[in-house]
Protein backbone atom coordinates (compact mmCIF):
# COMPACT_ATOMS: atom_id res chain seq x y z
CA MET A 1 120.77 108.55 96.78
CA THR A 2 116.97 109.25 96.52
CA ILE A 3 114.87 107.59 99.03
CA GLN A 4 111.73 106.44 97.59
CA LYS A 5 108.04 106.82 98.76
CA HIS A 6 106.58 103.31 99.95
CA ASP A 7 103.31 105.17 101.73
CA LEU A 8 100.55 103.47 100.16
CA ILE A 9 99.21 106.26 98.14
CA HIS A 10 102.39 106.61 95.98
CA GLU A 11 102.53 102.71 95.94
CA LEU A 12 98.77 102.24 94.70
CA PRO A 13 97.93 105.70 93.32
CA GLU A 14 95.17 104.43 90.61
CA HIS A 15 93.06 102.64 94.26
CA LYS A 16 93.30 106.15 96.17
CA ASP A 17 89.26 106.66 96.24
CA THR A 18 88.82 102.76 97.43
CA ILE A 19 92.11 103.26 99.96
CA HIS A 20 89.75 105.98 101.34
CA ASP A 21 86.80 104.18 101.66
CA LEU A 22 88.14 101.11 103.11
CA LYS A 23 90.25 103.13 105.77
CA VAL A 24 86.57 104.52 107.13
CA SER A 25 84.56 101.73 106.34
CA ASN A 26 86.61 98.26 107.55
CA ALA A 27 88.63 98.77 111.11
CA HIS A 28 91.11 95.81 109.92
CA PHE A 29 91.96 97.65 106.69
CA ALA A 30 92.64 100.65 109.01
CA ARG A 31 94.76 98.75 111.70
CA LEU A 32 96.80 97.25 108.58
CA PHE A 33 97.36 100.32 106.86
CA ASP A 34 98.10 102.08 110.00
CA GLU A 35 100.58 99.58 110.80
CA TYR A 36 102.33 99.46 107.30
CA HIS A 37 103.01 103.14 107.21
CA GLN A 38 104.49 102.67 111.05
CA VAL A 39 107.05 100.38 109.30
CA ASP A 40 107.30 102.57 106.48
CA LYS A 41 108.21 105.34 108.31
CA GLU A 42 110.40 103.18 110.17
CA MET A 43 111.89 101.91 106.93
CA HIS A 44 112.72 105.75 105.61
CA ARG A 45 114.17 106.58 109.05
CA ILE A 46 116.90 103.93 108.73
CA GLU A 47 117.33 104.51 104.91
CA GLU A 48 118.01 108.34 105.97
CA ASN A 49 120.68 106.38 108.21
CA ILE A 50 118.74 108.43 111.27
CA GLU A 51 118.38 104.86 113.24
CA THR A 52 121.10 101.97 112.09
CA PRO A 53 119.90 98.67 113.33
CA SER A 54 121.40 95.54 112.25
CA ASP A 55 121.37 94.38 109.03
CA ASP A 56 118.93 91.24 110.19
CA TYR A 57 116.22 93.66 111.91
CA THR A 58 116.37 95.94 108.71
CA ASN A 59 115.88 93.00 106.46
CA GLN A 60 112.91 91.54 108.66
CA ARG A 61 111.42 95.11 108.48
CA LYS A 62 111.22 95.47 104.98
CA HIS A 63 109.57 91.71 104.60
CA ASP A 64 107.17 93.13 107.23
CA ARG A 65 106.57 96.32 104.66
CA LEU A 66 106.03 94.01 102.07
CA ALA A 67 103.80 91.59 103.52
CA LEU A 68 101.56 94.32 105.19
CA LYS A 69 101.01 95.88 101.34
CA ASP A 70 100.53 92.55 100.15
CA LYS A 71 97.72 92.06 102.46
CA LEU A 72 96.43 95.66 102.20
CA GLN A 73 96.38 95.22 98.06
CA LYS A 74 94.57 91.84 98.23
CA MET A 75 92.01 93.64 100.37
CA ILE A 76 91.95 96.41 97.58
CA LEU A 77 91.58 94.25 94.71
CA ALA A 78 88.71 91.92 96.73
CA SER A 79 86.51 95.32 97.50
CA ILE A 80 87.05 96.56 94.05
CA ALA A 81 85.99 93.20 92.44
CA ASN A 82 82.47 93.01 94.86
């Protein structure tokens, strides 16, 4: 089974420069970015069977990752629109 990369640069490669700019200029974006990657690393360990939490916990973390990605993507798109 191939584990997909979900880090933000792989998810949104066309916005690499904007992501970098927001990380250094927007503390809220930087905090959400770090939180997203923490969840993504945890999910990667779960998908690799390094960690084996309950299905409920895994599903919640997947939901958390998606919600963070949505927030970050909205911030990226808002930054581009300005």
